[in-house]
N, C-alpha and C. Protein backbone atom coordinates (compact mmCIF):
# COMPACT_ATOMS: atom_id res chain seq x y z
N MET A 1 -27.55 82.60 -62.85
CA MET A 1 -26.87 84.30 -62.13
C MET A 1 -26.45 84.91 -63.40
N GLN A 2 -26.74 86.10 -63.60
CA GLN A 2 -26.13 87.12 -64.54
C GLN A 2 -24.82 87.39 -63.93
N THR A 3 -23.82 87.41 -64.79
CA THR A 3 -22.58 87.92 -64.39
C THR A 3 -21.70 88.80 -65.43
N THR A 4 -21.12 89.71 -65.10
CA THR A 4 -20.60 90.58 -66.19
C THR A 4 -19.10 90.97 -65.94
N LEU A 5 -18.31 90.58 -66.62
CA LEU A 5 -16.73 90.64 -66.46
C LEU A 5 -16.40 92.03 -66.18
N SER A 6 -16.07 92.25 -64.90
CA SER A 6 -15.51 93.73 -64.64
C SER A 6 -14.13 94.21 -65.21
N PRO A 7 -14.24 95.04 -66.08
CA PRO A 7 -13.00 95.59 -66.57
C PRO A 7 -11.88 95.65 -65.45
N SER A 8 -10.67 94.79 -65.91
CA SER A 8 -9.51 94.91 -65.05
C SER A 8 -8.97 96.21 -65.23
N THR A 9 -8.91 97.26 -63.97
CA THR A 9 -8.16 98.16 -64.26
C THR A 9 -7.51 98.60 -63.24
N ASP A 10 -6.34 99.30 -63.24
CA ASP A 10 -5.37 99.73 -62.25
C ASP A 10 -5.61 101.22 -61.64
N ALA A 11 -6.88 101.37 -61.78
CA ALA A 11 -7.40 103.10 -61.25
C ALA A 11 -7.25 103.00 -59.92
N SER A 12 -7.07 102.05 -59.07
CA SER A 12 -7.09 101.95 -57.50
C SER A 12 -5.52 102.04 -57.18
N MET A 13 -4.64 101.54 -58.20
CA MET A 13 -3.17 101.48 -57.77
C MET A 13 -2.66 102.87 -57.54
N THR A 14 -1.74 102.78 -56.65
CA THR A 14 -0.98 103.97 -56.26
C THR A 14 0.45 103.98 -57.07
N PRO A 15 1.12 104.94 -57.23
CA PRO A 15 2.35 104.83 -57.76
C PRO A 15 3.18 103.78 -57.25
N ARG A 16 3.27 103.63 -55.98
CA ARG A 16 4.17 102.52 -55.26
C ARG A 16 3.64 101.46 -55.90
N ASP A 17 2.38 101.07 -55.83
CA ASP A 17 1.74 99.77 -56.26
C ASP A 17 2.28 99.14 -57.79
N ARG A 18 2.22 100.55 -58.63
CA ARG A 18 2.53 100.15 -60.06
C ARG A 18 3.97 99.91 -60.06
N GLN A 19 4.97 100.62 -59.29
CA GLN A 19 6.36 100.45 -59.26
C GLN A 19 6.59 98.73 -58.83
N LEU A 20 5.97 98.56 -57.56
CA LEU A 20 6.33 97.28 -56.99
C LEU A 20 5.81 96.28 -57.82
N LEU A 21 4.73 96.34 -58.20
CA LEU A 21 4.19 94.99 -59.29
C LEU A 21 4.74 95.13 -60.72
N ALA A 22 5.22 96.13 -61.16
CA ALA A 22 5.85 96.03 -62.48
C ALA A 22 7.34 95.14 -62.30
N HIS A 23 7.69 94.84 -60.89
CA HIS A 23 9.01 94.03 -60.86
C HIS A 23 8.75 92.99 -59.63
N ALA A 24 7.57 92.38 -59.77
CA ALA A 24 7.07 91.35 -58.99
C ALA A 24 7.98 90.10 -59.34
N PRO A 25 8.26 89.48 -58.33
CA PRO A 25 9.20 88.17 -58.67
C PRO A 25 8.58 87.02 -58.58
N TYR A 26 7.52 87.04 -59.34
CA TYR A 26 6.78 85.80 -59.56
C TYR A 26 6.15 85.96 -60.93
N ALA A 27 5.75 84.77 -61.67
CA ALA A 27 5.10 84.69 -63.02
C ALA A 27 3.73 85.22 -63.10
N LYS A 28 3.43 85.97 -63.99
CA LYS A 28 2.03 86.39 -63.99
C LYS A 28 1.24 85.07 -64.45
N ALA A 29 0.38 84.69 -63.70
CA ALA A 29 -0.50 83.43 -63.84
C ALA A 29 -1.73 83.78 -64.72
N ASN A 30 -2.17 82.84 -65.47
CA ASN A 30 -3.32 82.63 -66.26
C ASN A 30 -4.48 81.97 -65.29
N VAL A 31 -5.09 83.13 -64.46
CA VAL A 31 -6.37 82.71 -63.74
C VAL A 31 -7.56 82.38 -64.74
N PRO A 32 -8.30 81.37 -64.53
CA PRO A 32 -9.50 81.07 -65.24
C PRO A 32 -10.48 82.18 -65.20
N GLU A 33 -11.19 82.31 -66.21
CA GLU A 33 -12.10 83.39 -66.23
C GLU A 33 -13.05 83.49 -65.30
N GLN A 34 -13.64 82.45 -64.70
CA GLN A 34 -14.54 82.36 -63.78
C GLN A 34 -13.97 82.92 -62.49
N TYR A 35 -12.63 83.04 -62.30
CA TYR A 35 -12.25 83.51 -61.17
C TYR A 35 -11.52 85.05 -61.04
N LEU A 36 -11.88 85.41 -62.49
CA LEU A 36 -11.68 86.74 -62.48
C LEU A 36 -12.63 87.71 -62.04
N ARG A 37 -12.33 89.21 -61.88
CA ARG A 37 -13.67 89.96 -61.47
C ARG A 37 -14.66 90.04 -61.84
N HIS A 38 -15.78 89.78 -61.38
CA HIS A 38 -17.07 90.02 -61.91
C HIS A 38 -18.15 90.68 -61.25
N ILE A 39 -19.04 91.40 -61.82
CA ILE A 39 -20.31 91.99 -61.39
C ILE A 39 -21.51 91.03 -61.39
N VAL A 40 -21.90 90.50 -60.38
CA VAL A 40 -23.08 89.48 -60.25
C VAL A 40 -24.40 89.91 -59.56
N ASP A 41 -25.17 89.01 -59.87
CA ASP A 41 -26.72 89.28 -59.35
C ASP A 41 -26.19 88.82 -57.76
N TYR A 42 -26.91 89.26 -56.90
CA TYR A 42 -26.86 88.79 -55.19
C TYR A 42 -27.92 88.81 -54.91
N HIS A 43 -28.55 87.70 -54.10
CA HIS A 43 -29.81 87.68 -53.65
C HIS A 43 -30.05 87.28 -52.24
N ARG A 44 -28.72 87.10 -51.44
CA ARG A 44 -28.84 87.07 -50.08
C ARG A 44 -29.06 88.34 -49.27
N LYS A 45 -29.17 88.22 -47.85
CA LYS A 45 -29.48 89.28 -47.49
C LYS A 45 -28.63 90.23 -46.60
N GLU A 46 -27.34 90.01 -47.07
CA GLU A 46 -26.33 90.85 -46.32
C GLU A 46 -26.36 92.26 -46.84
N GLN A 47 -25.95 93.15 -46.19
CA GLN A 47 -26.11 94.55 -46.56
C GLN A 47 -25.15 94.92 -47.19
N PRO A 48 -25.30 96.22 -48.22
CA PRO A 48 -24.19 96.61 -48.94
C PRO A 48 -22.98 97.03 -48.09
N GLY A 49 -21.78 96.71 -48.54
CA GLY A 49 -20.74 96.81 -47.79
C GLY A 49 -20.02 95.68 -47.17
N THR A 50 -20.75 94.64 -46.93
CA THR A 50 -20.53 93.50 -46.52
C THR A 50 -19.60 92.68 -47.41
N ILE A 51 -18.65 91.79 -46.78
CA ILE A 51 -17.92 90.80 -47.40
C ILE A 51 -18.40 89.60 -47.12
N LEU A 52 -18.39 88.58 -47.93
CA LEU A 52 -18.96 87.06 -47.99
C LEU A 52 -18.02 86.62 -48.68
N VAL A 53 -17.53 85.50 -48.02
CA VAL A 53 -16.60 84.50 -48.57
C VAL A 53 -17.46 82.89 -48.66
N ASP A 54 -17.35 82.51 -49.88
CA ASP A 54 -18.18 81.30 -50.24
C ASP A 54 -16.78 80.17 -50.22
N THR A 55 -16.52 79.67 -49.26
CA THR A 55 -15.23 78.83 -49.19
C THR A 55 -15.34 77.74 -50.20
N ASP A 56 -16.41 76.81 -50.49
CA ASP A 56 -16.68 75.93 -51.35
C ASP A 56 -16.17 76.22 -52.72
N ALA A 57 -17.00 77.37 -53.20
CA ALA A 57 -16.69 77.77 -54.41
C ALA A 57 -15.73 78.49 -54.98
N ARG A 58 -14.79 79.12 -53.73
CA ARG A 58 -13.64 80.02 -53.90
C ARG A 58 -13.91 81.17 -54.61
N TYR A 59 -14.90 81.89 -54.04
CA TYR A 59 -15.50 83.22 -54.28
C TYR A 59 -15.44 84.06 -53.15
N LEU A 60 -15.14 85.61 -53.20
CA LEU A 60 -15.30 86.35 -52.26
C LEU A 60 -16.50 87.37 -52.83
N TYR A 61 -17.28 87.55 -52.25
CA TYR A 61 -18.55 88.77 -52.92
C TYR A 61 -18.13 89.84 -51.86
N PHE A 62 -18.12 91.27 -52.68
CA PHE A 62 -18.41 92.42 -51.84
C PHE A 62 -19.67 93.03 -52.33
N VAL A 63 -20.63 93.00 -51.37
CA VAL A 63 -21.87 93.26 -51.53
C VAL A 63 -22.21 94.87 -51.84
N LEU A 64 -23.07 95.02 -53.27
CA LEU A 64 -23.20 96.34 -53.64
C LEU A 64 -24.49 96.53 -53.51
N PRO A 65 -25.09 97.95 -53.78
CA PRO A 65 -26.67 98.03 -53.77
C PRO A 65 -27.29 97.25 -55.07
N ASP A 66 -28.69 97.40 -54.77
CA ASP A 66 -29.48 97.02 -55.87
C ASP A 66 -29.35 95.70 -56.30
N GLY A 67 -29.02 94.79 -55.24
CA GLY A 67 -28.97 93.26 -55.47
C GLY A 67 -27.71 92.94 -56.47
N LYS A 68 -26.86 93.55 -56.28
CA LYS A 68 -25.51 93.13 -57.08
C LYS A 68 -24.61 93.11 -56.13
N ALA A 69 -23.32 92.26 -56.74
CA ALA A 69 -21.87 92.29 -55.93
C ALA A 69 -20.72 92.23 -56.85
N MET A 70 -19.73 92.40 -56.23
CA MET A 70 -18.37 92.42 -56.99
C MET A 70 -17.82 90.99 -56.39
N ARG A 71 -17.72 90.15 -57.46
CA ARG A 71 -17.19 88.60 -57.11
C ARG A 71 -15.82 88.49 -57.62
N TYR A 72 -14.97 87.94 -56.48
CA TYR A 72 -13.49 87.77 -56.70
C TYR A 72 -13.30 86.19 -56.66
N GLY A 73 -12.19 85.58 -57.43
CA GLY A 73 -11.83 84.53 -57.06
C GLY A 73 -10.92 84.70 -55.91
N VAL A 74 -10.55 83.62 -55.34
CA VAL A 74 -9.69 83.61 -54.00
C VAL A 74 -9.18 82.11 -53.84
N ALA A 75 -7.99 82.19 -53.21
CA ALA A 75 -7.68 80.88 -52.47
C ALA A 75 -7.89 80.92 -51.11
N VAL A 76 -8.45 79.75 -50.61
CA VAL A 76 -8.83 79.59 -49.40
C VAL A 76 -8.13 78.67 -48.28
N GLY A 77 -8.54 78.50 -47.23
CA GLY A 77 -7.47 77.42 -46.51
C GLY A 77 -7.62 76.04 -46.92
N GLU A 78 -6.71 75.05 -46.54
CA GLU A 78 -6.92 73.67 -46.79
C GLU A 78 -7.75 73.33 -45.57
N GLU A 79 -8.76 72.25 -45.41
CA GLU A 79 -9.73 71.81 -44.92
C GLU A 79 -9.46 71.89 -43.57
N ALA A 80 -8.38 71.31 -43.15
CA ALA A 80 -8.05 71.25 -41.55
C ALA A 80 -7.87 72.83 -41.18
N MET A 81 -7.68 73.66 -41.96
CA MET A 81 -7.26 74.93 -41.52
C MET A 81 -8.11 75.85 -41.58
N ALA A 82 -9.30 75.83 -42.44
CA ALA A 82 -10.13 76.65 -42.95
C ALA A 82 -11.17 77.01 -41.69
N PHE A 83 -11.73 78.33 -41.81
CA PHE A 83 -12.56 78.73 -40.84
C PHE A 83 -13.76 79.37 -41.23
N SER A 84 -14.68 79.46 -40.39
CA SER A 84 -15.98 80.16 -41.03
C SER A 84 -16.67 80.89 -39.83
N GLY A 85 -17.56 81.95 -39.91
CA GLY A 85 -18.34 82.72 -39.07
C GLY A 85 -18.19 84.06 -39.62
N VAL A 86 -18.49 84.96 -38.46
CA VAL A 86 -19.08 86.26 -38.84
C VAL A 86 -17.70 87.21 -38.06
N ALA A 87 -17.18 87.98 -38.88
CA ALA A 87 -16.23 88.87 -38.01
C ALA A 87 -16.39 90.44 -38.56
N ARG A 88 -15.53 90.86 -38.33
CA ARG A 88 -15.37 92.47 -38.54
C ARG A 88 -14.06 92.75 -39.28
N VAL A 89 -13.97 94.03 -39.97
CA VAL A 89 -12.54 94.33 -40.60
C VAL A 89 -12.02 95.23 -39.39
N GLY A 90 -11.02 94.72 -38.64
CA GLY A 90 -10.67 95.35 -37.61
C GLY A 90 -9.24 96.48 -37.86
N ARG A 91 -8.47 96.04 -39.42
CA ARG A 91 -7.54 96.87 -39.55
C ARG A 91 -7.20 96.63 -41.03
N LEU A 92 -6.64 97.65 -41.42
CA LEU A 92 -6.32 97.68 -43.01
C LEU A 92 -5.04 98.11 -43.13
N ALA A 93 -4.36 97.27 -44.09
CA ALA A 93 -2.74 97.85 -44.24
C ALA A 93 -2.28 97.65 -45.71
N GLU A 94 -1.72 98.50 -46.36
CA GLU A 94 -1.08 98.62 -47.49
C GLU A 94 0.27 97.98 -47.42
N TRP A 95 0.80 96.99 -48.17
CA TRP A 95 1.91 96.31 -48.36
C TRP A 95 2.50 96.02 -46.92
N PRO A 96 1.62 95.33 -46.34
CA PRO A 96 1.78 94.95 -44.90
C PRO A 96 3.18 93.97 -44.77
N ASP A 97 3.66 94.17 -43.48
CA ASP A 97 4.67 93.39 -43.05
C ASP A 97 4.05 91.82 -42.74
N TRP A 98 4.57 90.87 -43.02
CA TRP A 98 4.14 89.46 -42.27
C TRP A 98 4.93 89.23 -41.19
N VAL A 99 4.34 88.79 -40.26
CA VAL A 99 4.89 88.13 -38.92
C VAL A 99 4.16 86.67 -38.96
N PRO A 100 5.08 85.72 -39.13
CA PRO A 100 4.67 84.48 -39.07
C PRO A 100 4.42 83.90 -37.84
N THR A 101 3.30 83.06 -37.70
CA THR A 101 2.89 82.74 -36.59
C THR A 101 3.72 81.63 -35.85
N ALA A 102 3.66 81.10 -34.74
CA ALA A 102 4.42 80.28 -34.21
C ALA A 102 3.87 78.79 -34.88
N ASP A 103 2.57 78.62 -35.25
CA ASP A 103 2.13 77.57 -35.88
C ASP A 103 2.80 77.33 -37.44
N ILE A 104 2.59 78.53 -38.17
CA ILE A 104 3.40 78.63 -39.41
C ILE A 104 4.60 78.17 -39.51
N GLN A 105 5.66 79.07 -38.31
CA GLN A 105 6.85 78.60 -38.16
C GLN A 105 7.09 77.05 -38.09
N ALA A 106 6.24 76.46 -37.27
CA ALA A 106 6.42 74.92 -36.97
C ALA A 106 6.12 74.03 -38.35
N ARG A 107 5.36 74.62 -39.07
CA ARG A 107 4.64 73.67 -40.32
C ARG A 107 5.71 73.98 -41.31
N LEU A 108 5.93 75.33 -41.66
CA LEU A 108 6.67 75.68 -42.91
C LEU A 108 7.80 76.43 -42.88
N GLY A 109 8.16 76.78 -41.78
CA GLY A 109 9.74 77.39 -41.60
C GLY A 109 10.71 76.73 -41.80
N PRO A 110 11.84 77.60 -41.47
CA PRO A 110 11.99 78.79 -40.68
C PRO A 110 11.98 79.71 -41.44
N TYR A 111 11.24 80.89 -40.80
CA TYR A 111 11.28 82.00 -41.74
C TYR A 111 11.54 83.11 -40.53
N PRO A 112 12.10 84.36 -41.26
CA PRO A 112 12.46 85.39 -40.18
C PRO A 112 11.15 85.99 -39.20
N PRO A 113 11.53 86.35 -38.24
CA PRO A 113 10.63 86.87 -37.35
C PRO A 113 9.39 87.76 -38.03
N ARG A 114 9.81 88.52 -38.85
CA ARG A 114 9.19 89.50 -39.62
C ARG A 114 9.54 89.65 -41.00
N VAL A 115 8.81 89.70 -41.94
CA VAL A 115 9.09 90.06 -43.31
C VAL A 115 8.42 91.05 -43.78
N ALA A 116 9.53 92.00 -44.26
CA ALA A 116 8.90 93.52 -44.61
C ALA A 116 8.04 93.44 -45.95
N GLY A 117 7.11 94.43 -45.84
CA GLY A 117 6.15 94.49 -47.02
C GLY A 117 6.69 94.38 -48.21
N GLY A 118 6.08 94.12 -49.51
CA GLY A 118 6.63 94.20 -50.74
C GLY A 118 6.06 92.92 -51.68
N PRO A 119 6.47 92.91 -52.93
CA PRO A 119 5.99 92.06 -53.90
C PRO A 119 6.25 90.67 -53.62
N ALA A 120 7.26 90.41 -52.89
CA ALA A 120 7.78 88.92 -52.56
C ALA A 120 7.12 88.60 -51.30
N ASN A 121 6.34 89.30 -50.48
CA ASN A 121 5.95 89.08 -49.31
C ASN A 121 4.80 88.34 -49.35
N PRO A 122 4.33 87.22 -48.79
CA PRO A 122 3.24 86.42 -48.73
C PRO A 122 1.95 86.98 -48.88
N LEU A 123 1.79 88.36 -48.00
CA LEU A 123 0.46 89.09 -47.91
C LEU A 123 0.20 89.64 -49.09
N GLY A 124 1.28 90.01 -49.82
CA GLY A 124 1.01 90.62 -51.11
C GLY A 124 0.51 92.53 -50.77
N ALA A 125 -0.06 92.95 -51.75
CA ALA A 125 -0.25 94.36 -51.87
C ALA A 125 -1.11 94.97 -50.63
N ARG A 126 -2.03 94.05 -50.20
CA ARG A 126 -2.91 94.68 -48.99
C ARG A 126 -3.42 93.51 -48.13
N GLY A 127 -3.74 94.17 -46.97
CA GLY A 127 -4.04 93.09 -45.71
C GLY A 127 -5.55 93.74 -45.33
N ILE A 128 -6.29 93.04 -45.03
CA ILE A 128 -7.54 93.20 -44.43
C ILE A 128 -7.64 92.34 -43.14
N TYR A 129 -7.77 92.58 -41.87
CA TYR A 129 -7.38 91.91 -40.66
C TYR A 129 -8.95 91.38 -40.19
N LEU A 130 -9.13 90.39 -39.70
CA LEU A 130 -10.31 89.98 -39.47
C LEU A 130 -10.34 89.99 -37.99
N TYR A 131 -11.46 90.75 -37.20
CA TYR A 131 -11.36 90.57 -35.77
C TYR A 131 -12.75 90.02 -35.55
N VAL A 132 -12.94 89.36 -34.22
CA VAL A 132 -14.16 89.32 -33.43
C VAL A 132 -13.95 89.94 -31.96
N GLY A 133 -14.92 90.85 -32.08
CA GLY A 133 -14.64 91.82 -31.10
C GLY A 133 -13.59 92.80 -31.26
N ASN A 134 -12.90 92.95 -29.82
CA ASN A 134 -11.51 93.73 -30.33
C ASN A 134 -10.35 92.55 -30.55
N LYS A 135 -10.82 91.31 -30.75
CA LYS A 135 -9.39 90.45 -30.45
C LYS A 135 -9.08 90.18 -32.09
N ASP A 136 -8.09 90.18 -32.64
CA ASP A 136 -7.41 89.89 -33.87
C ASP A 136 -7.34 88.18 -33.95
N THR A 137 -8.31 87.85 -35.01
CA THR A 137 -8.23 86.30 -34.91
C THR A 137 -7.00 85.71 -35.75
N LEU A 138 -6.17 86.48 -36.31
CA LEU A 138 -5.08 86.22 -36.76
C LEU A 138 -5.20 85.64 -38.21
N TYR A 139 -6.55 85.87 -38.73
CA TYR A 139 -7.00 85.55 -40.18
C TYR A 139 -7.13 86.71 -41.09
N ARG A 140 -6.83 86.67 -42.36
CA ARG A 140 -6.44 87.70 -43.12
C ARG A 140 -7.15 87.46 -44.40
N ILE A 141 -7.61 88.73 -45.04
CA ILE A 141 -7.97 88.78 -46.54
C ILE A 141 -6.87 89.59 -47.22
N HIS A 142 -6.14 88.99 -47.95
CA HIS A 142 -4.70 89.70 -48.36
C HIS A 142 -4.45 89.01 -49.92
N GLY A 143 -3.71 89.80 -50.43
CA GLY A 143 -2.97 89.45 -51.64
C GLY A 143 -2.15 88.44 -51.72
N THR A 144 -1.33 88.09 -52.83
CA THR A 144 -0.79 86.84 -52.97
C THR A 144 0.73 87.02 -53.87
N ASN A 145 1.89 86.29 -53.41
CA ASN A 145 2.80 86.25 -54.54
C ASN A 145 2.80 84.87 -55.42
N GLN A 146 1.59 84.14 -55.11
CA GLN A 146 1.37 82.91 -55.82
C GLN A 146 -0.08 83.00 -56.54
N PRO A 147 -0.41 83.75 -57.38
CA PRO A 147 -1.72 83.96 -58.21
C PRO A 147 -2.10 82.69 -58.45
N GLU A 148 -1.07 81.79 -58.94
CA GLU A 148 -1.61 80.47 -59.75
C GLU A 148 -2.48 79.72 -58.65
N TYR A 149 -2.42 79.83 -57.50
CA TYR A 149 -3.20 79.14 -56.66
C TYR A 149 -4.67 79.75 -56.48
N ILE A 150 -4.82 80.59 -57.10
CA ILE A 150 -6.63 81.27 -56.96
C ILE A 150 -7.40 80.21 -57.41
N GLY A 151 -8.30 80.17 -56.97
CA GLY A 151 -9.33 79.02 -57.31
C GLY A 151 -9.01 77.40 -56.30
N GLN A 152 -8.21 77.42 -55.60
CA GLN A 152 -7.76 76.35 -54.72
C GLN A 152 -7.83 76.50 -53.20
N ALA A 153 -7.83 75.27 -52.54
CA ALA A 153 -7.87 75.36 -50.96
C ALA A 153 -6.40 74.99 -50.73
N ILE A 154 -5.57 75.91 -50.40
CA ILE A 154 -4.16 75.62 -50.22
C ILE A 154 -3.49 76.63 -49.19
N SER A 155 -4.08 77.44 -48.53
CA SER A 155 -3.61 78.25 -47.75
C SER A 155 -3.60 77.91 -46.32
N SER A 156 -3.00 78.62 -45.51
CA SER A 156 -2.85 78.38 -43.84
C SER A 156 -4.27 79.10 -43.22
N GLY A 157 -5.35 78.96 -43.92
CA GLY A 157 -6.54 79.50 -43.31
C GLY A 157 -6.81 80.88 -43.82
N CYS A 158 -5.81 81.71 -44.36
CA CYS A 158 -6.14 82.99 -44.65
C CYS A 158 -6.71 82.95 -46.18
N ILE A 159 -7.50 83.98 -46.56
CA ILE A 159 -8.00 84.24 -47.87
C ILE A 159 -7.31 84.97 -48.67
N ARG A 160 -6.74 84.22 -49.69
CA ARG A 160 -5.81 84.98 -50.71
C ARG A 160 -6.43 85.53 -52.12
N MET A 161 -5.70 86.82 -52.53
CA MET A 161 -6.77 87.38 -53.78
C MET A 161 -5.66 87.77 -54.62
N ARG A 162 -5.60 87.73 -55.86
CA ARG A 162 -4.84 88.46 -56.88
C ARG A 162 -4.28 89.98 -56.44
N ASN A 163 -3.45 90.25 -56.35
CA ASN A 163 -3.09 91.65 -55.77
C ASN A 163 -3.66 93.05 -56.55
N GLU A 164 -4.03 92.81 -57.85
CA GLU A 164 -5.06 93.83 -58.43
C GLU A 164 -6.33 93.62 -57.81
N ASP A 165 -6.70 92.48 -57.31
CA ASP A 165 -8.13 92.26 -56.70
C ASP A 165 -8.17 92.90 -55.30
N ILE A 166 -7.12 92.55 -54.50
CA ILE A 166 -7.28 92.86 -53.13
C ILE A 166 -7.09 94.53 -53.26
N ILE A 167 -6.49 95.09 -53.90
CA ILE A 167 -6.37 96.64 -54.05
C ILE A 167 -7.46 97.02 -54.45
N ASP A 168 -8.27 96.47 -55.53
CA ASP A 168 -9.58 96.97 -55.68
C ASP A 168 -10.45 97.09 -54.70
N LEU A 169 -10.72 95.58 -53.81
CA LEU A 169 -11.39 95.46 -52.57
C LEU A 169 -11.09 96.46 -51.57
N TYR A 170 -10.04 96.69 -51.35
CA TYR A 170 -9.34 97.42 -50.20
C TYR A 170 -10.06 98.78 -50.40
N ASP A 171 -10.08 99.40 -51.55
CA ASP A 171 -10.50 100.68 -51.76
C ASP A 171 -12.01 100.78 -51.47
N ARG A 172 -12.92 99.62 -51.51
CA ARG A 172 -14.12 99.57 -51.49
C ARG A 172 -14.42 99.53 -50.08
N VAL A 173 -13.81 98.54 -49.09
CA VAL A 173 -14.20 98.16 -47.79
C VAL A 173 -13.65 99.20 -46.89
N LYS A 174 -14.64 99.08 -45.96
CA LYS A 174 -14.74 100.33 -44.64
C LYS A 174 -14.15 99.53 -43.43
N LEU A 175 -13.46 100.19 -42.48
CA LEU A 175 -13.07 99.67 -41.20
C LEU A 175 -14.54 99.20 -40.40
N ASN A 176 -14.42 97.97 -39.89
CA ASN A 176 -15.61 97.59 -38.98
C ASN A 176 -16.71 97.11 -40.00
N SER A 177 -16.53 96.76 -41.23
CA SER A 177 -17.50 96.23 -42.06
C SER A 177 -17.53 94.74 -41.72
N MET A 178 -18.81 93.98 -42.09
CA MET A 178 -18.96 92.93 -41.54
C MET A 178 -18.37 91.96 -42.61
N VAL A 179 -17.74 90.91 -42.25
CA VAL A 179 -17.19 89.80 -42.82
C VAL A 179 -17.81 88.40 -42.59
N VAL A 180 -18.59 87.80 -43.59
CA VAL A 180 -18.99 86.31 -43.35
C VAL A 180 -18.51 85.44 -44.10
N VAL A 181 -18.06 84.45 -43.50
CA VAL A 181 -17.13 83.27 -44.29
C VAL A 181 -18.01 81.98 -43.92
N LEU A 182 -18.62 81.52 -45.24
CA LEU A 182 -19.46 80.33 -45.08
C LEU A 182 -18.67 79.14 -44.63
N PRO A 183 -19.17 78.17 -43.86
CA PRO A 183 -18.53 76.85 -43.74
C PRO A 183 -18.66 76.02 -44.83
N PRO A 184 -17.85 75.36 -44.87
CA PRO A 184 -17.75 74.28 -46.12
C PRO A 184 -19.12 73.47 -46.21
N GLY A 185 -19.93 73.24 -47.35
CA GLY A 185 -21.02 72.63 -47.53
C GLY A 185 -22.31 73.72 -47.68
N GLN A 186 -22.02 74.92 -47.18
CA GLN A 186 -22.92 76.08 -47.35
C GLN A 186 -22.75 76.99 -48.78
N ASN A 187 -23.48 77.10 -49.63
CA ASN A 187 -23.34 77.86 -50.80
C ASN A 187 -23.80 79.20 -50.75
N ALA A 188 -23.06 80.14 -51.19
CA ALA A 188 -23.75 81.60 -51.29
C ALA A 188 -24.81 81.63 -52.26
N GLN A 189 -25.00 81.00 -52.92
CA GLN A 189 -26.17 81.03 -53.89
C GLN A 189 -27.34 80.55 -53.42
N ALA A 190 -27.44 79.86 -52.34
CA ALA A 190 -28.45 79.41 -51.52
C ALA A 190 -29.03 80.46 -50.60
N GLU A 191 -30.27 80.72 -50.41
CA GLU A 191 -30.84 81.84 -49.41
C GLU A 191 -30.76 81.22 -48.15
N THR A 192 -30.14 81.85 -47.16
CA THR A 192 -30.22 81.32 -45.88
C THR A 192 -30.81 82.31 -44.81
N GLY A 193 -31.30 82.21 -43.73
CA GLY A 193 -31.95 82.72 -42.82
C GLY A 193 -31.03 82.91 -41.64
N THR A 194 -30.09 82.00 -41.75
CA THR A 194 -29.34 81.99 -40.50
C THR A 194 -27.87 82.36 -40.52
N ARG A 195 -27.36 83.20 -39.62
CA ARG A 195 -25.96 83.36 -40.08
C ARG A 195 -25.10 82.18 -39.37
N PRO A 196 -23.72 82.14 -39.84
CA PRO A 196 -22.72 80.73 -39.25
C PRO A 196 -22.40 81.65 -38.16
N ARG A 197 -21.91 80.48 -37.09
CA ARG A 197 -21.32 80.81 -35.97
C ARG A 197 -19.91 80.82 -36.08
N TRP A 198 -18.99 81.78 -35.47
CA TRP A 198 -17.67 81.89 -35.68
C TRP A 198 -17.13 80.26 -35.22
N ARG A 199 -16.30 79.93 -35.98
CA ARG A 199 -15.43 78.78 -35.71
C ARG A 199 -14.03 79.04 -36.09
N GLY A 200 -13.09 79.23 -35.31
CA GLY A 200 -11.71 79.75 -35.71
C GLY A 200 -10.88 78.50 -35.29
């Protein structure tokens, strides 16, 4: 596969983004080059504007025209909490508040019922909310205040990206765009004629 490292640019960042990230309360992580933003060849059948997540490889693809995609490194859900299927982008938010679910409170808490948006917030700089029909699945593609985990299966089911990458993706994606999350064992580089069924 042909890959080209995409220049890391802050062109998509707002003045608020620059201000908040300049004083982020976490260490800058050395993410392996394979998980940095790349433009790659893309031979699957998804239409431009689609997001595809390769859970096994820890990559998120934003499909571009002409057989190309923007590929980002991600952290994915631990095996027992991973999900797969087809959803749509039902909501987009900048520096979203975090409302821990009852499950997260039970496993990892206690947390406040709502954590205000900002660089210390686990959702990071942007939130892309996944819906099936009109129902919020409670799964998100979002930034992170733990960039050292990019490339690992560590989260509570959501898909985490470096803040600079979620800002870049957020500027590309549209409301109601399709999101395909491949189940474990299915590789994005393998051509498939079937769409995975939602499993949440």
